[in-house]
Protein backbone atom coordinates (compact mmCIF):
# COMPACT_ATOMS: atom_id res chain seq x y z
CA MET A 1 -98.87 164.59 10.06
CA ALA A 2 -95.33 166.10 8.59
CA ALA A 3 -96.11 169.61 10.41
CA VAL A 4 -96.35 167.18 13.93
CA PHE A 5 -93.30 165.30 12.61
CA LEU A 6 -91.53 168.25 12.13
CA VAL A 7 -92.16 170.36 14.86
CA MET A 8 -90.95 167.42 17.00
CA LEU A 9 -87.30 166.97 15.48
CA TYR A 10 -86.59 170.51 15.79
CA GLU A 11 -87.26 170.03 19.21
CA TYR A 12 -85.22 166.96 19.52
CA SER A 13 -82.26 168.82 18.04
CA PRO A 14 -82.07 171.77 16.48
CA LEU A 15 -79.00 170.87 15.08
CA PHE A 16 -80.09 167.58 12.86
CA TYR A 17 -83.57 169.62 11.80
CA ILE A 18 -81.46 172.29 10.21
CA THR A 19 -78.81 169.78 8.46
CA LEU A 20 -81.94 167.79 6.77
CA ILE A 21 -83.24 170.80 5.27
CA PHE A 22 -80.54 172.12 4.11
CA LEU A 23 -79.83 168.32 2.78
CA CYS A 24 -83.13 168.43 1.15
CA PHE A 25 -82.54 171.49 -0.92
CA PHE A 26 -79.18 170.58 -1.86
CA VAL A 27 -80.70 167.56 -3.35
CA THR A 28 -83.94 169.09 -4.58
CA THR A 29 -81.76 171.97 -7.27
CA ALA A 30 -79.38 169.02 -8.13
CA VAL A 31 -82.26 167.41 -9.47
CA ILE A 32 -83.63 170.23 -10.92
CA LEU A 33 -80.34 171.57 -12.83
CA GLY A 34 -79.87 167.87 -14.38
CA TRP A 35 -82.93 167.89 -15.95
CA PHE A 36 -82.93 171.04 -17.75
CA VAL A 37 -79.11 171.56 -17.56
CA TRP A 38 -76.92 168.81 -17.88
CA ASP A 39 -77.70 165.53 -18.58
CA ILE A 40 -80.67 163.22 -16.57
CA PRO A 41 -79.35 161.07 -14.31
CA VAL A 42 -80.16 157.05 -15.54
CA ILE A 43 -81.85 156.69 -12.46
CA ILE A 44 -84.72 159.20 -13.02
CA ARG A 45 -85.06 158.39 -16.80
CA ASN A 46 -87.54 156.09 -18.15
CA SER A 47 -87.08 153.04 -20.25
CA GLU A 48 -88.22 154.70 -24.08
CA GLU A 49 -85.36 157.68 -23.32
CA THR A 50 -82.35 155.71 -22.53
CA GLU A 51 -83.59 153.17 -25.23
CA SER A 52 -83.99 156.15 -27.85
CA GLY A 53 -80.31 157.92 -26.35
CA THR A 54 -77.93 154.99 -26.63
CA ARG A 55 -75.97 156.51 -29.40
CA VAL A 56 -75.51 154.72 -32.95
CA GLN A 57 -72.74 152.85 -34.30
CA ARG A 58 -72.29 155.04 -37.71
CA LYS A 59 -69.85 153.33 -39.87
CA ARG A 60 -67.50 155.80 -42.99
CA MET A 61 -69.40 154.96 -46.53
CA VAL A 62 -66.61 155.57 -49.50
CA GLN A 63 -68.42 156.22 -52.90
CA VAL A 64 -67.01 154.21 -55.36
CA LYS A 65 -67.10 154.97 -59.10
CA ASN A 66 -67.43 152.25 -61.50
CA PRO A 67 -65.02 152.40 -64.65
CA PHE A 68 -66.94 149.87 -66.52
CA ALA A 69 -70.41 149.27 -68.87
CA LEU A 70 -71.16 147.07 -71.35
CA GLU A 71 -74.15 145.64 -73.04
CA VAL A 72 -75.36 143.33 -75.55
CA LEU A 73 -75.87 145.10 -79.15
CA ASN A 74 -79.11 143.96 -81.02
CA PRO A 75 -79.67 140.73 -78.94
CA GLY A 76 -81.90 139.41 -81.35
CA ALA A 77 -79.42 138.76 -84.29
CA ALA A 78 -76.70 137.43 -81.76
CA SER A 79 -76.18 133.56 -82.05
CA VAL A 80 -73.09 131.55 -81.81
CA ILE A 81 -72.85 130.90 -85.72
CA GLY A 82 -73.62 134.62 -86.17
CA GLY A 83 -71.55 136.24 -83.40
CA VAL A 84 -73.08 138.53 -81.22
CA ASN A 85 -72.30 142.55 -80.89
CA LEU A 86 -70.72 144.06 -77.54
CA LYS A 87 -71.12 148.18 -77.35
CA SER A 88 -68.86 148.93 -74.13
CA HIS A 89 -67.97 152.45 -72.64
CA CYS A 90 -65.04 152.72 -69.72
CA ILE A 91 -64.09 156.05 -68.18
CA GLU A 92 -60.29 154.61 -68.78
CA LYS A 93 -58.42 152.76 -71.81
CA CYS A 94 -59.57 149.50 -70.75
CA LEU A 95 -59.28 146.08 -72.36
CA LEU A 96 -62.53 143.82 -73.69
CA THR A 97 -61.62 140.08 -73.11
CA VAL A 98 -64.03 137.74 -74.60
CA TYR A 99 -63.84 134.13 -73.79
CA TRP A 100 -66.14 131.74 -76.18
CA GLY A 101 -67.11 128.38 -74.11
CA CYS A 102 -65.66 129.48 -70.76
CA ASN A 103 -65.75 126.47 -68.01
CA VAL A 104 -68.56 127.47 -65.33
CA HIS A 105 -67.29 125.43 -62.45
CA LYS A 106 -63.87 126.86 -63.43
CA LEU A 107 -65.38 130.50 -63.88
CA HIS A 108 -66.66 130.32 -60.42
CA GLU A 109 -63.53 128.60 -58.82
CA GLY A 110 -61.60 131.49 -60.54
CA LEU A 111 -63.62 134.16 -59.23
CA GLN A 112 -63.40 132.38 -55.76
CA LYS A 113 -59.68 132.97 -55.95
CA HIS A 114 -59.91 136.13 -56.59
CA ILE A 115 -61.11 136.43 -52.99
CA TYR A 116 -58.04 134.41 -51.68
CA SER A 117 -55.02 137.23 -52.65
CA PHE A 118 -55.42 135.96 -56.52
CA ARG A 119 -56.44 139.33 -57.52
CA ILE A 120 -57.46 139.88 -61.01
CA LYS A 121 -56.97 143.05 -62.60
CA VAL A 122 -55.39 141.56 -65.71
CA PRO A 123 -56.95 139.04 -68.32
CA GLN A 124 -53.84 136.47 -67.72
CA LYS A 125 -55.01 136.14 -64.42
CA LEU A 126 -58.79 135.16 -65.30
CA GLU A 127 -57.02 132.63 -67.89
CA GLU A 128 -54.83 131.37 -64.95
CA ALA A 129 -57.74 131.06 -62.32
CA ILE A 130 -59.85 129.10 -64.72
CA ASP A 131 -56.73 127.04 -66.11
CA ARG A 132 -57.29 128.25 -69.54
CA GLN A 133 -60.71 126.09 -69.93
CA TYR A 134 -62.23 128.12 -72.64
CA LEU A 135 -62.17 127.18 -76.29
CA TYR A 136 -61.40 130.62 -78.14
CA GLN A 137 -60.26 134.27 -76.87
CA GLU A 138 -60.41 137.52 -78.35
CA THR A 139 -58.91 140.74 -76.81
CA PHE A 140 -60.22 144.11 -78.21
CA LEU A 141 -58.74 147.71 -76.61
CA ILE A 142 -61.09 150.64 -75.73
CA GLU A 143 -60.40 154.03 -75.64
CA LYS A 144 -60.42 156.13 -73.05
CA GLN A 145 -64.53 158.18 -73.08
CA SER A 146 -65.48 156.39 -76.55
CA ASP A 147 -68.35 154.36 -76.88
CA SER A 148 -66.80 151.21 -78.54
CA GLU A 149 -69.43 148.19 -80.44
CA LYS A 150 -66.97 145.50 -80.64
CA PHE A 151 -68.34 142.11 -83.06
CA SER A 152 -66.89 139.18 -81.70
CA GLN A 153 -67.67 135.24 -83.66
CA LEU A 154 -65.97 132.02 -82.75
CA PRO A 155 -64.41 130.75 -85.60
CA LYS A 156 -65.11 128.18 -88.30
CA TYR A 157 -62.38 126.04 -88.15
CA LEU A 158 -63.99 125.02 -84.27
CA THR A 159 -67.38 123.31 -85.93
CA ILE A 160 -69.13 124.51 -82.77
CA LYS A 161 -72.81 125.61 -83.55
CA ASP A 162 -74.17 124.61 -79.64
CA PHE A 163 -72.84 123.85 -76.35
CA GLY A 164 -74.39 121.22 -75.67
CA SER A 165 -77.69 120.05 -74.65
CA LEU A 166 -79.39 121.17 -70.54
CA PRO A 167 -77.40 121.16 -68.05
CA ARG A 168 -74.31 122.71 -69.41
CA THR A 169 -71.10 122.41 -68.12
CA ARG A 170 -69.80 125.92 -70.26
CA TYR A 171 -71.36 129.58 -70.72
CA PRO A 172 -71.40 130.37 -74.04
CA LEU A 173 -69.43 133.43 -73.56
CA VAL A 174 -68.03 135.31 -71.05
CA ALA A 175 -66.40 138.76 -71.15
CA LEU A 176 -63.81 140.62 -69.22
CA LEU A 177 -63.02 144.14 -69.02
CA THR A 178 -59.77 145.39 -67.14
CA LEU A 179 -57.88 148.77 -66.89
CA ALA A 180 -55.04 148.58 -69.82
CA GLU A 181 -52.67 151.02 -67.76
CA GLU A 182 -51.26 149.46 -64.33
CA GLU A 183 -51.05 153.44 -62.83
CA ASP A 184 -54.91 153.31 -63.27
CA TRP A 185 -54.97 150.22 -60.74
CA ASP A 186 -54.73 152.44 -57.49
CA ILE A 187 -57.28 155.13 -58.38
CA TYR A 188 -60.35 153.10 -59.12
CA GLU A 189 -61.44 150.58 -55.83
CA ILE A 190 -63.21 148.52 -58.86
CA VAL A 191 -60.24 147.07 -60.86
CA SER A 192 -62.17 144.34 -63.55
CA MET A 193 -66.29 143.49 -64.36
CA VAL A 194 -66.61 139.44 -65.45
CA THR A 195 -69.76 139.40 -67.40
CA VAL A 196 -71.34 135.81 -68.02
CA ILE A 197 -73.30 136.51 -71.77
CA HIS A 198 -75.74 133.58 -72.66
CA VAL A 199 -75.73 132.94 -76.76
CA PRO A 200 -78.40 131.56 -78.73
CA ASP A 201 -77.62 128.42 -80.76
CA GLU A 202 -78.85 125.37 -81.96
CA LYS A 203 -80.21 123.54 -78.74
CA TYR A 204 -81.32 126.84 -76.87
CA ARG A 205 -82.91 129.75 -78.08
CA LEU A 206 -84.01 131.83 -75.56
CA THR A 207 -82.99 135.90 -76.62
CA CYS A 208 -78.81 136.98 -76.11
CA ARG A 209 -79.19 138.33 -72.71
CA ILE A 210 -75.84 139.28 -70.30
CA LEU A 211 -76.66 136.42 -67.36
CA TYR A 212 -74.57 138.07 -64.54
CA GLN A 213 -72.31 140.28 -64.06
CA TYR A 214 -69.72 141.10 -61.06
CA LEU A 215 -67.76 144.00 -60.02
CA LEU A 216 -63.79 142.88 -58.76
CA THR A 217 -62.50 145.04 -56.27
CA ALA A 218 -58.52 145.53 -55.20
CA GLN A 219 -59.35 144.29 -51.95
CA GLY A 220 -60.68 141.61 -53.35
CA HIS A 221 -64.43 141.54 -53.02
CA ILE A 222 -66.86 140.62 -55.52
CA TYR A 223 -70.39 142.61 -55.86
CA ASP A 224 -72.88 140.85 -57.92
CA LEU A 225 -75.13 143.66 -60.21
CA LYS A 226 -78.27 142.23 -59.89
CA ARG A 227 -81.21 143.40 -61.94
CA LEU A 228 -83.69 146.01 -61.72
CA PHE A 229 -87.55 145.17 -61.52
CA VAL A 230 -90.15 148.10 -61.51
CA PRO A 231 -93.81 147.71 -61.60
CA VAL A 232 -95.30 148.30 -64.83
CA ASP A 233 -99.11 148.07 -66.81
CA GLU A 234 -99.31 145.21 -68.95
CA THR A 235 -99.92 147.08 -72.07
CA SER A 236 -96.79 148.25 -71.60
CA LEU A 237 -95.13 145.61 -71.93
CA PRO A 238 -92.58 144.70 -73.82
CA ALA A 239 -93.61 141.47 -76.69
CA GLN A 240 -90.57 139.64 -76.04
CA LEU A 241 -92.36 139.30 -72.16
CA SER A 242 -95.73 138.74 -73.32
CA SER A 243 -94.37 135.94 -75.01
CA GLU A 244 -93.21 134.36 -71.48
CA THR A 245 -96.02 135.19 -69.78
CA SER A 246 -98.63 133.14 -72.43
CA LEU A 247 -95.87 130.33 -72.54
CA ASP A 248 -96.54 130.28 -68.06
CA LYS A 249 -100.34 130.66 -69.17
CA LYS A 250 -99.87 127.42 -71.03
CA LEU A 251 -97.68 125.29 -68.11
CA LEU A 252 -100.93 126.51 -65.17
CA GLU A 253 -103.85 125.20 -68.03
CA LYS A 254 -102.21 121.63 -67.55
CA PHE A 255 -102.20 121.78 -64.45
CA GLY A 256 -105.72 122.82 -65.04
CA THR A 257 -105.25 126.05 -62.67
CA THR A 258 -106.35 129.32 -63.17
CA GLU A 259 -103.45 132.64 -62.41
CA GLU A 260 -106.68 133.73 -59.76
CA GLU A 261 -106.02 130.74 -57.71
CA LEU A 262 -102.64 131.50 -57.85
CA ASN A 263 -102.44 135.22 -57.62
CA PRO A 264 -105.89 136.22 -56.35
CA GLN A 265 -105.21 140.11 -55.54
CA ASN A 266 -105.66 142.60 -58.13
CA GLU A 267 -103.54 146.12 -58.29
CA SER A 268 -106.07 148.01 -55.62
CA SER A 269 -105.63 145.41 -52.65
CA LYS A 270 -104.10 146.13 -49.77
CA ASP A 271 -100.63 144.45 -49.40
CA CYS A 272 -99.51 142.99 -46.22
CA VAL A 273 -97.37 145.28 -44.12
CA VAL A 274 -94.63 142.83 -43.82
CA CYS A 275 -94.09 140.88 -46.79
CA GLN A 276 -95.79 143.36 -49.66
CA ASN A 277 -96.80 140.43 -51.35
CA ALA A 278 -99.96 139.39 -50.95
CA PRO A 279 -103.35 140.50 -50.16
CA VAL A 280 -104.24 141.37 -46.44
CA ASN A 281 -106.70 138.49 -45.17
CA TRP A 282 -106.35 138.47 -41.19
CA VAL A 283 -107.58 140.66 -38.08
CA LEU A 284 -105.72 140.74 -35.03
CA LEU A 285 -107.72 141.35 -31.37
CA PRO A 286 -107.82 143.14 -29.10
CA CYS A 287 -106.04 145.97 -31.43
CA ARG A 288 -108.41 145.10 -34.58
CA HIS A 289 -105.68 145.98 -36.83
CA ALA A 290 -106.07 144.35 -40.30
CA CYS A 291 -102.02 143.88 -41.76
CA LEU A 292 -100.98 140.09 -42.48
CA CYS A 293 -101.45 138.13 -45.15
CA ASP A 294 -102.16 134.04 -44.46
CA CYS A 295 -98.45 133.11 -44.34
CA CYS A 296 -96.71 135.83 -42.23
CA VAL A 297 -99.67 135.64 -39.33
CA ASN A 298 -98.04 132.86 -38.21
CA TYR A 299 -94.97 133.74 -37.26
CA PHE A 300 -95.99 136.54 -35.10
CA LYS A 301 -97.30 137.17 -31.22
CA GLN A 302 -97.60 141.03 -31.51
CA CYS A 303 -99.20 143.60 -33.84
CA PRO A 304 -96.56 144.82 -36.35
CA MET A 305 -98.22 148.03 -36.68
CA CYS A 306 -99.11 149.17 -32.63
CA ARG A 307 -96.65 146.33 -30.90
CA GLU A 308 -100.12 144.75 -29.11
CA PHE A 309 -99.66 141.53 -27.91
CA VAL A 310 -102.26 139.31 -30.09
CA ALA A 311 -105.14 137.12 -28.48
CA GLU A 312 -106.73 136.54 -30.90
CA SER A 313 -107.07 136.66 -34.46
CA PHE A 314 -109.60 136.08 -37.45
CA ALA A 315 -109.91 135.88 -41.30
CA LEU A 316 -111.52 137.70 -43.73
CA LEU A 317 -111.91 135.07 -46.20
CA ARG A 318 -111.83 131.49 -46.26
CA THR A 319 -108.11 129.62 -46.64
CA GLU A 320 -107.09 127.06 -48.73
CA GLU A 321 -106.78 124.64 -45.39
CA GLU A 322 -110.44 125.61 -44.36
CA VAL A 323 -112.00 125.25 -48.07
CA GLY A 324 -109.86 122.18 -48.23
CA ALA A 325 -111.82 121.25 -44.43
CA VAL A 326 -115.18 121.53 -45.45
CA LYS A 327 -115.11 119.57 -49.12
CA GLY A 328 -112.90 116.61 -47.32
CA ASP A 329 -110.21 114.62 -48.03
CA ASP A 330 -111.84 113.37 -51.31
CA ASP A 331 -111.58 116.87 -53.22
CA ASN A 332 -108.78 117.95 -50.88
CA GLN A 333 -105.83 117.63 -54.13
CA THR A 334 -102.81 119.73 -53.23
CA PHE A 335 -100.58 121.19 -55.88
CA GLU A 336 -98.10 118.97 -54.65
CA GLY A 337 -100.53 115.59 -55.99
CA ILE A 338 -100.85 117.21 -59.75
CA TRP A 339 -97.50 117.71 -60.56
CA GLU A 340 -96.60 114.07 -59.20
CA GLU A 341 -99.66 112.95 -61.34
CA SER A 342 -98.99 115.30 -64.07
CA ASP A 343 -96.66 113.89 -67.31
CA GLU A 344 -93.50 116.24 -66.40
CA GLU A 345 -91.74 114.73 -70.05
CA ASN A 346 -94.57 116.26 -72.35
CA ILE A 347 -94.79 119.57 -70.37
CA HIS A 348 -90.93 119.95 -70.93
CA ASN A 349 -91.60 118.94 -74.54
CA ASP A 350 -94.07 121.70 -74.57
CA VAL A 351 -91.63 124.34 -73.76
CA ASN A 352 -89.03 123.08 -75.65
CA GLU A 353 -91.51 123.40 -78.64
CA GLN A 354 -92.40 127.07 -77.47
CA LEU A 355 -88.82 128.48 -77.43
CA ASP A 356 -88.03 126.95 -80.82
CA ILE A 357 -90.79 128.83 -82.23
């Protein structure tokens, strides 16, 4: 059919026939060169190649060095009456300023002032930012590149044995580390570090520990140093964590609930690919991927493994809702109902007794 058409076209106009042949030749050559030599024309690319070919914008990152480090020595022996030992290590010469009984609201208000052009680079700036709402202040000089141990204690003439009942309006201890020499301010991005420390007293006897640590930069940014949690075996837990675990078990027994009911999965169970916090319990159809837990399955219309649209899904194990439907409305008592019917005041008294022990 094509040959007959070309013959008819040549008989009709030889010049037009030659022009068309040359035009087809040039187009074919351009397509081949564009595919193998130059950039591929967008019109002949598929969607996947177009998306993958887009350049991702990269933001320039600069490594920042933190010149401050602070820890609490022998936290088991620290108290409001007996004082606390602090160990600091600084790259440059620094000032360690401790504030006993710092007002909670004023401290966070002062940290917000640091963002709005009120840079806290020296202790006097922090004192102005919190309107000097503290009970006692002490300053120590930390030498360059030295592990310095400092002891701080409330004066006896203040006759302070505790900071009141919960919730409290004052932090027991706030430590501020700042650079002592002004020429170091332009060298380091981080200009100060604020550490909030819990110190036990007669009304709240939890072990001394660091509650929060904030890094303050010269540009007015505040970064919260988060705690790092790693998985460990139960046999390797320290005694302090073991006592807290026994306290949790006591609360669960109050509610008539066991740990296995609240956390049925074990270390060998397969975790959900989305939250990584609950066992896999749902199979998606038609792809047959078992990858979601009871909570995450409600938020996905496509399989997170292969992007196949989910037509149906079924549970590997019975969910709590299905079990409750089988037992009936009379026996379907929720955890919230148990909480409302339990004596909350007695629970808190038991917790306080455990903490006093």
